[in-house]
Amino acid sequence: MARLYLVRHGRAAAGIAENTDPGLDELGHRQAAATAEELAALPVMPLFTSPLLRARETGEPLARRWNQQLTVESRVAEIPFPTSDLAERARWLQAVMPGRWSSLDDYWQQWRNDVVACLLEQPRDCIFFSHFIAINAAVGAACADDRMVVFRPDNASITVLSNDPGSLTLLQLGGEAETKVN
């Protein structure tokens, strides 16, 4: 059984309707540093990150502190969007977030399964720098909850799961944001 620390990226410099891959803003960098300080108390362990810039920038302070590399893991990236149009991406996400995974096409259900499979494969404790929906996919799987949004992880919050043989177990939810879900 491994402990899995899922860190939501710090506050991004732009929203999904404004930029496909924004880095962190000033507050986001401070959040990343504070999260690195908190996680540094743990034993050194593997660090994985979404390929997206805001997640990588969130993981960099801890990687520097531990003098190790972040390993890019695409399965914990942001949920894929059905369009590259920024405004349409935002509308799509707002429309699907209040729903359930089972109401989405197989493509997105497979994406959720891939997030969960990635976490179940880990043989030892590790940290993942990831995204709102990916973290919700993992927590939902751990709690047998089909909703897309089970909770609202705040920027740079730390959610802890374990990967018991064949299933995820929720150990601790990270701090919650004040984001609104329709």
N, C-alpha and C. Protein backbone atom coordinates (compact mmCIF):
# COMPACT_ATOMS: atom_id res chain seq x y z
N MET A 1 0.85 -1.18 0.00
CA MET A 1 0.00 0.00 0.00
C MET A 1 0.89 1.24 0.00
N ALA A 2 0.63 2.14 -0.94
CA ALA A 2 1.38 3.39 -1.04
C ALA A 2 0.47 4.57 -0.70
N ARG A 3 1.06 5.57 -0.09
CA ARG A 3 0.35 6.84 0.12
C ARG A 3 0.59 7.70 -1.10
N LEU A 4 -0.49 8.30 -1.58
CA LEU A 4 -0.44 9.13 -2.78
C LEU A 4 -0.88 10.53 -2.40
N TYR A 5 0.02 11.48 -2.56
CA TYR A 5 -0.26 12.88 -2.24
C TYR A 5 -0.60 13.59 -3.54
N LEU A 6 -1.85 14.03 -3.68
CA LEU A 6 -2.31 14.71 -4.89
C LEU A 6 -2.38 16.20 -4.60
N VAL A 7 -1.55 16.96 -5.28
CA VAL A 7 -1.46 18.41 -5.06
C VAL A 7 -2.10 19.11 -6.25
N ARG A 8 -3.10 19.91 -5.98
CA ARG A 8 -3.66 20.73 -7.05
C ARG A 8 -2.68 21.87 -7.31
N HIS A 9 -2.50 22.21 -8.56
CA HIS A 9 -1.57 23.28 -8.93
C HIS A 9 -1.94 24.60 -8.23
N GLY A 10 -0.96 25.46 -8.08
CA GLY A 10 -1.19 26.80 -7.54
C GLY A 10 -2.04 27.62 -8.50
N ARG A 11 -2.43 28.81 -8.04
CA ARG A 11 -3.31 29.65 -8.85
C ARG A 11 -2.62 30.02 -10.17
N ALA A 12 -3.34 29.77 -11.25
CA ALA A 12 -2.83 30.02 -12.60
C ALA A 12 -2.93 31.50 -12.96
N ALA A 13 -2.08 31.91 -13.87
CA ALA A 13 -2.06 33.30 -14.33
C ALA A 13 -3.24 33.62 -15.24
N ALA A 14 -3.94 32.59 -15.73
CA ALA A 14 -5.10 32.79 -16.61
C ALA A 14 -6.04 31.60 -16.45
N GLY A 15 -7.31 31.82 -16.75
CA GLY A 15 -8.31 30.76 -16.69
C GLY A 15 -8.36 29.97 -17.98
N ILE A 16 -9.17 28.90 -17.97
CA ILE A 16 -9.25 28.03 -19.15
C ILE A 16 -9.84 28.72 -20.37
N ALA A 17 -10.59 29.79 -20.16
CA ALA A 17 -11.17 30.52 -21.28
C ALA A 17 -10.18 31.54 -21.85
N GLU A 18 -9.00 31.64 -21.23
CA GLU A 18 -8.03 32.67 -21.66
C GLU A 18 -6.72 32.11 -22.21
N ASN A 19 -6.35 30.89 -21.81
CA ASN A 19 -5.04 30.37 -22.17
C ASN A 19 -5.07 28.84 -22.04
N THR A 20 -4.46 28.14 -22.99
CA THR A 20 -4.47 26.68 -22.93
C THR A 20 -3.47 26.12 -21.94
N ASP A 21 -2.41 26.86 -21.64
CA ASP A 21 -1.39 26.33 -20.73
C ASP A 21 -0.70 27.46 -19.95
N PRO A 22 -1.45 28.13 -19.08
CA PRO A 22 -0.83 29.23 -18.33
C PRO A 22 0.09 28.70 -17.22
N GLY A 23 1.06 29.51 -16.88
CA GLY A 23 1.88 29.22 -15.72
C GLY A 23 1.17 29.76 -14.48
N LEU A 24 1.89 29.84 -13.39
CA LEU A 24 1.34 30.36 -12.14
C LEU A 24 1.45 31.89 -12.11
N ASP A 25 0.50 32.50 -11.41
CA ASP A 25 0.64 33.93 -11.14
C ASP A 25 1.47 34.10 -9.87
N GLU A 26 1.62 35.33 -9.40
CA GLU A 26 2.44 35.60 -8.22
C GLU A 26 1.95 34.83 -7.00
N LEU A 27 0.64 34.85 -6.76
CA LEU A 27 0.08 34.11 -5.64
C LEU A 27 0.33 32.61 -5.82
N GLY A 28 0.17 32.12 -7.02
CA GLY A 28 0.39 30.70 -7.30
C GLY A 28 1.81 30.27 -6.96
N HIS A 29 2.78 31.10 -7.25
CA HIS A 29 4.18 30.79 -6.90
C HIS A 29 4.36 30.75 -5.38
N ARG A 30 3.71 31.67 -4.68
CA ARG A 30 3.78 31.65 -3.21
C ARG A 30 3.11 30.39 -2.66
N GLN A 31 1.97 30.02 -3.24
CA GLN A 31 1.29 28.80 -2.82
C GLN A 31 2.17 27.57 -3.04
N ALA A 32 2.84 27.52 -4.19
CA ALA A 32 3.74 26.39 -4.50
C ALA A 32 4.86 26.31 -3.48
N ALA A 33 5.42 27.45 -3.11
CA ALA A 33 6.51 27.47 -2.12
C ALA A 33 6.00 26.99 -0.76
N ALA A 34 4.80 27.43 -0.37
CA ALA A 34 4.24 27.02 0.92
C ALA A 34 3.93 25.52 0.93
N THR A 35 3.44 25.01 -0.16
CA THR A 35 3.15 23.57 -0.25
C THR A 35 4.44 22.77 -0.22
N ALA A 36 5.48 23.26 -0.88
CA ALA A 36 6.78 22.59 -0.84
C ALA A 36 7.30 22.54 0.59
N GLU A 37 7.13 23.62 1.32
CA GLU A 37 7.57 23.67 2.72
C GLU A 37 6.84 22.60 3.54
N GLU A 38 5.53 22.49 3.32
CA GLU A 38 4.74 21.49 4.05
C GLU A 38 5.15 20.06 3.68
N LEU A 39 5.30 19.81 2.39
CA LEU A 39 5.63 18.45 1.93
C LEU A 39 7.07 18.06 2.25
N ALA A 40 7.95 19.03 2.41
CA ALA A 40 9.36 18.74 2.67
C ALA A 40 9.56 18.00 3.99
N ALA A 41 8.57 18.05 4.87
CA ALA A 41 8.66 17.33 6.14
C ALA A 41 8.51 15.82 5.95
N LEU A 42 8.01 15.41 4.79
CA LEU A 42 7.85 13.98 4.49
C LEU A 42 9.18 13.39 4.04
N PRO A 43 9.32 12.07 4.10
CA PRO A 43 10.52 11.45 3.51
C PRO A 43 10.55 11.72 2.00
N VAL A 44 11.74 11.82 1.45
CA VAL A 44 11.88 12.03 0.00
C VAL A 44 11.20 10.87 -0.73
N MET A 45 10.45 11.21 -1.75
CA MET A 45 9.72 10.21 -2.53
C MET A 45 9.62 10.67 -3.98
N PRO A 46 9.22 9.82 -4.90
CA PRO A 46 9.09 10.22 -6.30
C PRO A 46 8.08 11.35 -6.47
N LEU A 47 8.39 12.24 -7.43
CA LEU A 47 7.53 13.38 -7.75
C LEU A 47 7.06 13.25 -9.19
N PHE A 48 5.75 13.27 -9.37
CA PHE A 48 5.15 13.20 -10.70
C PHE A 48 4.37 14.48 -10.95
N THR A 49 4.31 14.90 -12.20
CA THR A 49 3.56 16.10 -12.53
C THR A 49 2.82 15.95 -13.84
N SER A 50 1.71 16.62 -13.91
CA SER A 50 1.01 16.80 -15.19
C SER A 50 1.99 17.53 -16.12
N PRO A 51 1.86 17.34 -17.42
CA PRO A 51 2.73 18.06 -18.34
C PRO A 51 2.43 19.56 -18.42
N LEU A 52 1.31 19.99 -17.88
CA LEU A 52 0.93 21.40 -18.00
C LEU A 52 1.77 22.29 -17.10
N LEU A 53 2.07 23.47 -17.59
CA LEU A 53 3.01 24.39 -16.95
C LEU A 53 2.64 24.71 -15.51
N ARG A 54 1.38 24.98 -15.23
CA ARG A 54 1.00 25.36 -13.86
C ARG A 54 1.26 24.24 -12.86
N ALA A 55 1.11 22.99 -13.27
CA ALA A 55 1.40 21.87 -12.39
C ALA A 55 2.91 21.71 -12.22
N ARG A 56 3.65 21.82 -13.32
CA ARG A 56 5.11 21.71 -13.23
C ARG A 56 5.69 22.80 -12.34
N GLU A 57 5.20 24.03 -12.51
CA GLU A 57 5.70 25.14 -11.68
C GLU A 57 5.34 24.94 -10.21
N THR A 58 4.23 24.28 -9.93
CA THR A 58 3.85 24.00 -8.54
C THR A 58 4.81 22.97 -7.93
N GLY A 59 5.25 22.01 -8.70
CA GLY A 59 6.14 20.98 -8.20
C GLY A 59 7.60 21.39 -8.11
N GLU A 60 8.01 22.40 -8.85
CA GLU A 60 9.43 22.77 -8.91
C GLU A 60 10.05 23.15 -7.56
N PRO A 61 9.38 23.90 -6.69
CA PRO A 61 10.04 24.22 -5.41
C PRO A 61 10.39 22.98 -4.58
N LEU A 62 9.53 21.98 -4.56
CA LEU A 62 9.82 20.77 -3.81
C LEU A 62 10.91 19.96 -4.52
N ALA A 63 10.86 19.89 -5.84
CA ALA A 63 11.88 19.16 -6.58
C ALA A 63 13.26 19.78 -6.33
N ARG A 64 13.35 21.09 -6.32
CA ARG A 64 14.63 21.76 -6.03
C ARG A 64 15.08 21.45 -4.60
N ARG A 65 14.14 21.55 -3.68
CA ARG A 65 14.48 21.31 -2.27
C ARG A 65 15.00 19.89 -2.06
N TRP A 66 14.39 18.92 -2.72
CA TRP A 66 14.80 17.52 -2.59
C TRP A 66 15.88 17.14 -3.60
N ASN A 67 16.27 18.09 -4.44
CA ASN A 67 17.29 17.86 -5.46
C ASN A 67 16.95 16.64 -6.33
N GLN A 68 15.73 16.66 -6.85
CA GLN A 68 15.32 15.58 -7.75
C GLN A 68 14.48 16.14 -8.88
N GLN A 69 14.28 15.32 -9.87
CA GLN A 69 13.52 15.70 -11.06
C GLN A 69 12.04 15.40 -10.88
N LEU A 70 11.22 16.21 -11.53
CA LEU A 70 9.80 15.91 -11.66
C LEU A 70 9.65 14.97 -12.86
N THR A 71 8.90 13.91 -12.69
CA THR A 71 8.60 13.00 -13.80
C THR A 71 7.24 13.38 -14.37
N VAL A 72 7.20 13.66 -15.67
CA VAL A 72 5.93 14.03 -16.31
C VAL A 72 5.09 12.77 -16.48
N GLU A 73 3.86 12.86 -16.00
CA GLU A 73 2.90 11.75 -16.10
C GLU A 73 1.63 12.32 -16.73
N SER A 74 1.44 12.04 -18.01
CA SER A 74 0.32 12.64 -18.75
C SER A 74 -1.04 12.17 -18.26
N ARG A 75 -1.10 11.03 -17.57
CA ARG A 75 -2.40 10.53 -17.11
C ARG A 75 -2.98 11.36 -15.97
N VAL A 76 -2.21 12.25 -15.36
CA VAL A 76 -2.76 13.11 -14.31
C VAL A 76 -2.91 14.55 -14.81
N ALA A 77 -2.92 14.73 -16.12
CA ALA A 77 -3.11 16.05 -16.72
C ALA A 77 -4.57 16.49 -16.57
N GLU A 78 -4.82 17.69 -17.00
CA GLU A 78 -6.18 18.23 -16.99
C GLU A 78 -7.06 17.37 -17.91
N ILE A 79 -8.34 17.33 -17.59
CA ILE A 79 -9.28 16.59 -18.44
C ILE A 79 -9.18 17.13 -19.87
N PRO A 80 -9.15 16.25 -20.85
CA PRO A 80 -9.08 16.73 -22.24
C PRO A 80 -10.38 17.42 -22.65
N PHE A 81 -10.25 18.43 -23.46
CA PHE A 81 -11.41 19.18 -23.92
C PHE A 81 -11.78 18.75 -25.33
N PRO A 82 -13.06 18.82 -25.67
CA PRO A 82 -13.49 18.39 -27.00
C PRO A 82 -13.21 19.42 -28.09
N THR A 83 -12.67 20.56 -27.71
CA THR A 83 -12.41 21.62 -28.68
C THR A 83 -11.19 22.42 -28.24
N SER A 84 -10.56 23.09 -29.19
CA SER A 84 -9.43 23.96 -28.84
C SER A 84 -9.88 25.41 -28.68
N ASP A 85 -11.14 25.71 -29.02
CA ASP A 85 -11.67 27.05 -28.85
C ASP A 85 -11.79 27.35 -27.35
N LEU A 86 -11.11 28.38 -26.88
CA LEU A 86 -11.04 28.66 -25.46
C LEU A 86 -12.40 28.91 -24.82
N ALA A 87 -13.23 29.71 -25.45
CA ALA A 87 -14.55 30.01 -24.89
C ALA A 87 -15.42 28.75 -24.85
N GLU A 88 -15.34 27.95 -25.89
CA GLU A 88 -16.13 26.72 -25.95
C GLU A 88 -15.65 25.71 -24.90
N ARG A 89 -14.34 25.66 -24.65
CA ARG A 89 -13.80 24.79 -23.61
C ARG A 89 -14.43 25.13 -22.26
N ALA A 90 -14.45 26.41 -21.96
CA ALA A 90 -15.00 26.85 -20.67
C ALA A 90 -16.49 26.50 -20.57
N ARG A 91 -17.24 26.71 -21.65
CA ARG A 91 -18.67 26.38 -21.64
C ARG A 91 -18.88 24.88 -21.46
N TRP A 92 -18.07 24.07 -22.15
CA TRP A 92 -18.20 22.63 -22.04
C TRP A 92 -17.94 22.18 -20.60
N LEU A 93 -16.86 22.68 -20.00
CA LEU A 93 -16.53 22.28 -18.65
C LEU A 93 -17.62 22.69 -17.67
N GLN A 94 -18.14 23.89 -17.80
CA GLN A 94 -19.23 24.34 -16.92
C GLN A 94 -20.47 23.46 -17.08
N ALA A 95 -20.69 22.97 -18.29
CA ALA A 95 -21.86 22.13 -18.54
C ALA A 95 -21.71 20.72 -17.95
N VAL A 96 -20.50 20.16 -18.00
CA VAL A 96 -20.33 18.78 -17.55
C VAL A 96 -19.99 18.64 -16.07
N MET A 97 -19.40 19.65 -15.46
CA MET A 97 -18.97 19.53 -14.06
C MET A 97 -20.07 19.16 -13.08
N PRO A 98 -21.30 19.65 -13.25
CA PRO A 98 -22.34 19.26 -12.30
C PRO A 98 -22.86 17.83 -12.52
N GLY A 99 -22.39 17.18 -13.56
CA GLY A 99 -22.92 15.86 -13.92
C GLY A 99 -22.15 14.69 -13.34
N ARG A 100 -22.35 13.55 -13.97
CA ARG A 100 -21.75 12.30 -13.54
C ARG A 100 -20.87 11.72 -14.65
N TRP A 101 -19.85 10.99 -14.24
CA TRP A 101 -18.97 10.36 -15.22
C TRP A 101 -19.75 9.42 -16.12
N SER A 102 -20.70 8.70 -15.55
CA SER A 102 -21.46 7.72 -16.34
C SER A 102 -22.31 8.35 -17.43
N SER A 103 -22.53 9.66 -17.36
CA SER A 103 -23.32 10.32 -18.41
C SER A 103 -22.44 10.83 -19.55
N LEU A 104 -21.13 10.72 -19.40
CA LEU A 104 -20.21 11.16 -20.45
C LEU A 104 -19.88 10.02 -21.40
N ASP A 105 -19.38 10.38 -22.56
CA ASP A 105 -18.95 9.38 -23.54
C ASP A 105 -17.83 8.52 -22.98
N ASP A 106 -17.63 7.37 -23.60
CA ASP A 106 -16.58 6.44 -23.18
C ASP A 106 -15.20 7.08 -23.14
N TYR A 107 -14.94 8.03 -24.04
CA TYR A 107 -13.64 8.70 -24.09
C TYR A 107 -13.28 9.31 -22.74
N TRP A 108 -14.21 10.04 -22.11
CA TRP A 108 -13.94 10.70 -20.84
C TRP A 108 -13.98 9.70 -19.67
N GLN A 109 -14.79 8.69 -19.79
CA GLN A 109 -14.78 7.64 -18.76
C GLN A 109 -13.44 6.90 -18.78
N GLN A 110 -12.89 6.69 -19.99
CA GLN A 110 -11.57 6.06 -20.09
C GLN A 110 -10.50 6.98 -19.52
N TRP A 111 -10.63 8.29 -19.72
CA TRP A 111 -9.66 9.23 -19.14
C TRP A 111 -9.67 9.09 -17.61
N ARG A 112 -10.87 9.04 -17.02
CA ARG A 112 -10.98 8.86 -15.57
C ARG A 112 -10.33 7.54 -15.15
N ASN A 113 -10.61 6.47 -15.88
CA ASN A 113 -10.02 5.17 -15.56
C ASN A 113 -8.50 5.21 -15.64
N ASP A 114 -7.96 6.00 -16.58
CA ASP A 114 -6.51 6.12 -16.72
C ASP A 114 -5.90 6.86 -15.53
N VAL A 115 -6.58 7.89 -15.02
CA VAL A 115 -6.11 8.59 -13.82
C VAL A 115 -6.02 7.58 -12.68
N VAL A 116 -7.08 6.83 -12.48
CA VAL A 116 -7.14 5.86 -11.38
C VAL A 116 -6.07 4.78 -11.57
N ALA A 117 -5.92 4.27 -12.78
CA ALA A 117 -4.92 3.22 -13.05
C ALA A 117 -3.52 3.72 -12.73
N CYS A 118 -3.23 4.95 -13.09
CA CYS A 118 -1.92 5.52 -12.79
C CYS A 118 -1.65 5.49 -11.29
N LEU A 119 -2.62 5.86 -10.50
CA LEU A 119 -2.45 5.88 -9.05
C LEU A 119 -2.36 4.47 -8.46
N LEU A 120 -3.13 3.55 -9.00
CA LEU A 120 -3.10 2.18 -8.50
C LEU A 120 -1.77 1.48 -8.81
N GLU A 121 -1.08 1.91 -9.86
CA GLU A 121 0.18 1.29 -10.27
C GLU A 121 1.36 1.65 -9.38
N GLN A 122 1.23 2.66 -8.57
CA GLN A 122 2.38 3.15 -7.81
C GLN A 122 2.76 2.17 -6.70
N PRO A 123 4.02 1.71 -6.70
CA PRO A 123 4.44 0.72 -5.71
C PRO A 123 4.88 1.33 -4.37
N ARG A 124 5.07 2.68 -4.36
CA ARG A 124 5.53 3.31 -3.12
C ARG A 124 4.94 4.70 -3.01
N ASP A 125 5.08 5.30 -1.84
CA ASP A 125 4.58 6.65 -1.61
C ASP A 125 5.12 7.59 -2.68
N CYS A 126 4.27 8.51 -3.14
CA CYS A 126 4.71 9.49 -4.14
C CYS A 126 3.77 10.69 -4.14
N ILE A 127 4.21 11.74 -4.82
CA ILE A 127 3.46 12.99 -4.90
C ILE A 127 3.15 13.28 -6.36
N PHE A 128 1.91 13.71 -6.61
CA PHE A 128 1.46 14.09 -7.95
C PHE A 128 1.01 15.55 -7.94
N PHE A 129 1.51 16.34 -8.87
CA PHE A 129 1.05 17.71 -9.06
C PHE A 129 0.08 17.68 -10.22
N SER A 130 -1.19 18.00 -9.92
CA SER A 130 -2.25 17.71 -10.88
C SER A 130 -3.30 18.82 -10.92
N HIS A 131 -4.54 18.45 -11.24
CA HIS A 131 -5.60 19.40 -11.55
C HIS A 131 -6.92 19.05 -10.86
N PHE A 132 -7.79 20.02 -10.80
CA PHE A 132 -9.09 19.95 -10.14
C PHE A 132 -9.87 18.69 -10.51
N ILE A 133 -10.11 18.47 -11.80
CA ILE A 133 -10.95 17.35 -12.22
C ILE A 133 -10.21 16.02 -12.05
N ALA A 134 -8.91 15.98 -12.30
CA ALA A 134 -8.16 14.73 -12.12
C ALA A 134 -8.19 14.30 -10.65
N ILE A 135 -8.03 15.25 -9.75
CA ILE A 135 -8.08 14.93 -8.32
C ILE A 135 -9.48 14.46 -7.95
N ASN A 136 -10.49 15.11 -8.50
CA ASN A 136 -11.87 14.67 -8.26
C ASN A 136 -12.12 13.28 -8.82
N ALA A 137 -11.54 12.96 -9.96
CA ALA A 137 -11.71 11.62 -10.53
C ALA A 137 -11.16 10.57 -9.57
N ALA A 138 -10.00 10.86 -8.97
CA ALA A 138 -9.39 9.92 -8.03
C ALA A 138 -10.21 9.81 -6.75
N VAL A 139 -10.63 10.93 -6.20
CA VAL A 139 -11.42 10.91 -4.96
C VAL A 139 -12.76 10.23 -5.20
N GLY A 140 -13.39 10.52 -6.33
CA GLY A 140 -14.65 9.86 -6.66
C GLY A 140 -14.50 8.35 -6.74
N ALA A 141 -13.42 7.91 -7.37
CA ALA A 141 -13.16 6.46 -7.46
C ALA A 141 -12.94 5.86 -6.07
N ALA A 142 -12.21 6.58 -5.22
CA ALA A 142 -11.95 6.09 -3.86
C ALA A 142 -13.23 6.00 -3.04
N CYS A 143 -14.17 6.89 -3.30
CA CYS A 143 -15.42 6.94 -2.53
C CYS A 143 -16.60 6.30 -3.24
N ALA A 144 -16.35 5.66 -4.38
CA ALA A 144 -17.42 5.07 -5.19
C ALA A 144 -18.50 6.09 -5.48
N ASP A 145 -18.08 7.29 -5.86
CA ASP A 145 -18.97 8.40 -6.14
C ASP A 145 -18.82 8.78 -7.61
N ASP A 146 -19.89 8.67 -8.38
CA ASP A 146 -19.88 8.88 -9.82
C ASP A 146 -19.92 10.35 -10.22
N ARG A 147 -20.09 11.26 -9.28
CA ARG A 147 -20.13 12.68 -9.63
C ARG A 147 -18.77 13.14 -10.15
N MET A 148 -18.78 14.05 -11.12
CA MET A 148 -17.52 14.60 -11.62
C MET A 148 -16.84 15.44 -10.55
N VAL A 149 -17.61 16.17 -9.79
CA VAL A 149 -17.05 17.02 -8.74
C VAL A 149 -17.55 16.52 -7.39
N VAL A 150 -16.66 15.88 -6.66
CA VAL A 150 -16.97 15.34 -5.35
C VAL A 150 -16.66 16.38 -4.28
N PHE A 151 -15.60 17.15 -4.54
CA PHE A 151 -15.22 18.27 -3.67
C PHE A 151 -14.45 19.28 -4.51
N ARG A 152 -14.14 20.43 -3.94
CA ARG A 152 -13.49 21.51 -4.69
C ARG A 152 -12.09 21.77 -4.13
N PRO A 153 -11.08 21.00 -4.56
CA PRO A 153 -9.74 21.19 -4.03
C PRO A 153 -9.21 22.58 -4.33
N ASP A 154 -8.73 23.25 -3.31
CA ASP A 154 -8.19 24.59 -3.47
C ASP A 154 -6.84 24.52 -4.19
N ASN A 155 -6.41 25.65 -4.71
CA ASN A 155 -5.09 25.73 -5.31
C ASN A 155 -4.03 25.35 -4.29
N ALA A 156 -3.11 24.49 -4.70
CA ALA A 156 -1.97 24.03 -3.90
C ALA A 156 -2.39 23.21 -2.68
N SER A 157 -3.62 22.72 -2.67
CA SER A 157 -4.07 21.85 -1.57
C SER A 157 -3.52 20.43 -1.77
N ILE A 158 -3.47 19.69 -0.69
CA ILE A 158 -2.91 18.34 -0.71
C ILE A 158 -3.99 17.34 -0.28
N THR A 159 -4.36 16.46 -1.18
CA THR A 159 -5.31 15.38 -0.90
C THR A 159 -4.51 14.09 -0.80
N VAL A 160 -4.82 13.26 0.17
CA VAL A 160 -4.04 12.04 0.40
C VAL A 160 -4.93 10.81 0.21
N LEU A 161 -4.46 9.90 -0.62
CA LEU A 161 -5.11 8.62 -0.88
C LEU A 161 -4.11 7.50 -0.60
N SER A 162 -4.61 6.30 -0.51
CA SER A 162 -3.72 5.13 -0.52
C SER A 162 -4.22 4.21 -1.62
N ASN A 163 -3.32 3.40 -2.12
CA ASN A 163 -3.71 2.45 -3.16
C ASN A 163 -3.65 1.03 -2.62
N ASP A 164 -4.65 0.72 -1.85
CA ASP A 164 -4.79 -0.64 -1.34
C ASP A 164 -4.91 -1.57 -2.55
N PRO A 165 -4.63 -2.83 -2.38
CA PRO A 165 -4.68 -3.73 -3.53
C PRO A 165 -6.00 -3.59 -4.32
N GLY A 166 -5.88 -3.06 -5.53
CA GLY A 166 -7.02 -2.98 -6.42
C GLY A 166 -7.97 -1.82 -6.23
N SER A 167 -7.74 -0.97 -5.23
CA SER A 167 -8.66 0.15 -5.04
C SER A 167 -7.96 1.32 -4.36
N LEU A 168 -8.55 2.48 -4.54
CA LEU A 168 -8.05 3.68 -3.87
C LEU A 168 -8.86 3.90 -2.60
N THR A 169 -8.19 4.42 -1.58
CA THR A 169 -8.84 4.75 -0.32
C THR A 169 -8.52 6.21 0.00
N LEU A 170 -9.54 6.97 0.33
CA LEU A 170 -9.35 8.37 0.71
C LEU A 170 -8.87 8.42 2.15
N LEU A 171 -7.73 9.08 2.36
CA LEU A 171 -7.20 9.26 3.71
C LEU A 171 -7.46 10.67 4.23
N GLN A 172 -7.36 11.68 3.32
CA GLN A 172 -7.58 13.05 3.74
C GLN A 172 -7.86 13.93 2.53
N LEU A 173 -8.96 14.68 2.60
CA LEU A 173 -9.24 15.66 1.56
C LEU A 173 -8.36 16.88 1.78
N GLY A 174 -7.95 17.50 0.69
CA GLY A 174 -7.22 18.75 0.77
C GLY A 174 -8.17 19.88 1.09
N GLY A 175 -7.63 21.05 1.37
CA GLY A 175 -8.45 22.22 1.63
C GLY A 175 -9.34 22.52 0.43
N GLU A 176 -10.52 23.05 0.70
CA GLU A 176 -11.48 23.31 -0.37
C GLU A 176 -11.48 24.76 -0.80
N ALA A 177 -11.72 24.96 -2.08
CA ALA A 177 -11.80 26.29 -2.69
C ALA A 177 -13.23 26.80 -2.64
N GLU A 178 -13.38 28.02 -2.98
CA GLU A 178 -14.71 28.62 -3.03
C GLU A 178 -15.23 28.68 -4.46
N THR A 179 -14.73 27.80 -5.33
CA THR A 179 -15.21 27.78 -6.71
C THR A 179 -16.66 27.35 -6.75
N LYS A 180 -17.35 27.78 -7.74
CA LYS A 180 -18.77 27.44 -7.87
C LYS A 180 -18.94 26.40 -8.95
N VAL A 181 -19.78 25.43 -8.66
CA VAL A 181 -20.15 24.41 -9.62
C VAL A 181 -21.66 24.54 -9.80
N ASN A 182 -22.09 24.70 -11.04
CA ASN A 182 -23.53 24.87 -11.30
C ASN A 182 -24.33 23.71 -10.79
